Amino acid sequence: MNIHFTFKNFEPSEHLKNYARNRFGKLSKHGQDNAELQVNMSVEKHRHMAEVVLSGGSLHLSATEESQDMYATIDMVLDKLVAQVKKNSDKKALHKKAG
């Protein structure tokens, strides 16, 4: 999985980059090995926002989240994205089983 980061209005620490890379790398265990992941993180006053776009093949999913802590925001947006990936794979399995 190729992960691309974009940061706006703040300079990220190496720890934050590694944390995000490790957390989003877990998407590959859900069958998203050849996908592209674009992670946009920004800070506006006390709002830490993350927008994630996952695309690969016929798959195109996105999730957005915000909180007062960037680490928590990363975890929340990852949870949303994992739920979408699972829902999508369940749909595919159902169609495959029915057809």
Protein backbone atom coordinates (compact mmCIF):
# COMPACT_ATOMS: atom_id res chain seq x y z
CA MET A 1 0.00 0.00 0.00
CA ASN A 2 1.30 3.43 -0.95
CA ILE A 3 0.62 6.06 1.70
CA HIS A 4 0.96 9.78 0.88
CA PHE A 5 0.78 12.45 3.58
CA THR A 6 -0.08 16.13 3.30
CA PHE A 7 0.21 18.46 6.29
CA LYS A 8 -1.35 21.92 6.49
CA ASN A 9 -0.76 24.64 9.10
CA PHE A 10 1.64 22.58 11.24
CA GLU A 11 4.99 20.85 11.10
CA PRO A 12 4.57 17.15 12.03
CA SER A 13 7.00 15.33 14.27
CA GLU A 14 8.66 12.11 13.14
CA HIS A 15 6.74 10.31 15.88
CA LEU A 16 3.41 11.48 14.41
CA LYS A 17 4.45 10.41 10.90
CA ASN A 18 5.54 6.97 12.12
CA TYR A 19 2.39 6.59 14.22
CA ALA A 20 0.15 7.39 11.25
CA ARG A 21 2.16 5.16 8.90
CA ASN A 22 1.90 2.22 11.33
CA ARG A 23 -1.82 2.73 11.99
CA PHE A 24 -2.82 3.13 8.33
CA GLY A 25 -0.53 0.25 7.34
CA LYS A 26 -2.98 -2.05 9.12
CA LEU A 27 -5.42 -1.54 6.25
CA SER A 28 -3.29 -3.93 4.19
CA LYS A 29 -4.47 -6.84 6.36
CA HIS A 30 -7.99 -6.13 5.11
CA GLY A 31 -6.94 -6.94 1.56
CA GLN A 32 -5.90 -3.44 0.48
CA ASP A 33 -2.31 -4.25 -0.53
CA ASN A 34 -2.28 -2.54 -3.94
CA ALA A 35 -4.29 0.53 -2.92
CA GLU A 36 -3.29 4.19 -2.73
CA LEU A 37 -3.96 6.08 0.49
CA GLN A 38 -3.93 9.88 0.63
CA VAL A 39 -3.89 11.30 4.16
CA ASN A 40 -4.48 15.04 4.58
CA MET A 41 -3.93 16.40 8.10
CA SER A 42 -4.50 19.99 9.12
CA VAL A 43 -4.76 22.13 12.23
CA GLU A 44 -7.00 25.17 12.67
CA LYS A 45 -6.78 26.69 16.14
CA HIS A 46 -7.73 23.75 18.41
CA ARG A 47 -9.26 21.55 15.70
CA HIS A 48 -7.05 18.73 14.44
CA MET A 49 -8.56 17.36 11.24
CA ALA A 50 -7.75 14.35 9.08
CA GLU A 51 -9.19 13.44 5.70
CA VAL A 52 -8.33 10.06 4.20
CA VAL A 53 -9.00 8.83 0.65
CA LEU A 54 -8.43 5.16 -0.18
CA SER A 55 -8.46 4.19 -3.84
CA GLY A 56 -7.45 1.14 -5.75
CA GLY A 57 -9.06 -0.73 -8.63
CA SER A 58 -12.80 -0.17 -8.38
CA LEU A 59 -12.55 0.87 -4.74
CA HIS A 60 -12.84 4.53 -3.70
CA LEU A 61 -13.53 5.29 -0.03
CA SER A 62 -13.08 8.43 2.04
CA ALA A 63 -13.42 9.43 5.69
CA THR A 64 -13.06 12.68 7.62
CA GLU A 65 -12.68 13.25 11.35
CA GLU A 66 -11.65 15.98 13.76
CA SER A 67 -10.85 16.29 17.45
CA GLN A 68 -8.54 18.24 19.76
CA ASP A 69 -5.70 15.70 19.48
CA MET A 70 -4.13 14.56 16.19
CA TYR A 71 -3.38 11.05 17.50
CA ALA A 72 -7.04 10.59 18.48
CA THR A 73 -8.13 11.99 15.12
CA ILE A 74 -5.95 9.43 13.31
CA ASP A 75 -7.48 6.60 15.35
CA MET A 76 -11.05 7.80 14.73
CA VAL A 77 -10.63 8.27 10.98
CA LEU A 78 -8.95 4.85 10.73
CA ASP A 79 -11.91 3.24 12.52
CA LYS A 80 -14.29 4.85 10.01
CA LEU A 81 -12.21 3.69 7.06
CA VAL A 82 -11.88 0.11 8.38
CA ALA A 83 -15.66 -0.05 8.83
CA GLN A 84 -16.14 1.08 5.22
CA VAL A 85 -13.61 -1.47 3.93
CA LYS A 86 -15.31 -4.27 5.87
CA LYS A 87 -18.74 -3.23 4.62
CA ASN A 88 -17.46 -3.14 1.05
CA SER A 89 -15.84 -6.57 1.31
CA ASP A 90 -19.00 -8.01 2.89
CA LYS A 91 -21.02 -6.62 -0.03
CA LYS A 92 -18.65 -8.22 -2.53
CA ALA A 93 -18.80 -11.55 -0.69
CA LEU A 94 -22.62 -11.42 -0.65
CA HIS A 95 -22.78 -10.71 -4.39
CA LYS A 96 -20.27 -13.45 -5.10
CA LYS A 97 -22.24 -15.92 -2.99
CA ALA A 98 -25.56 -14.98 -4.61
CA GLY A 99 -24.22 -15.14 -8.16
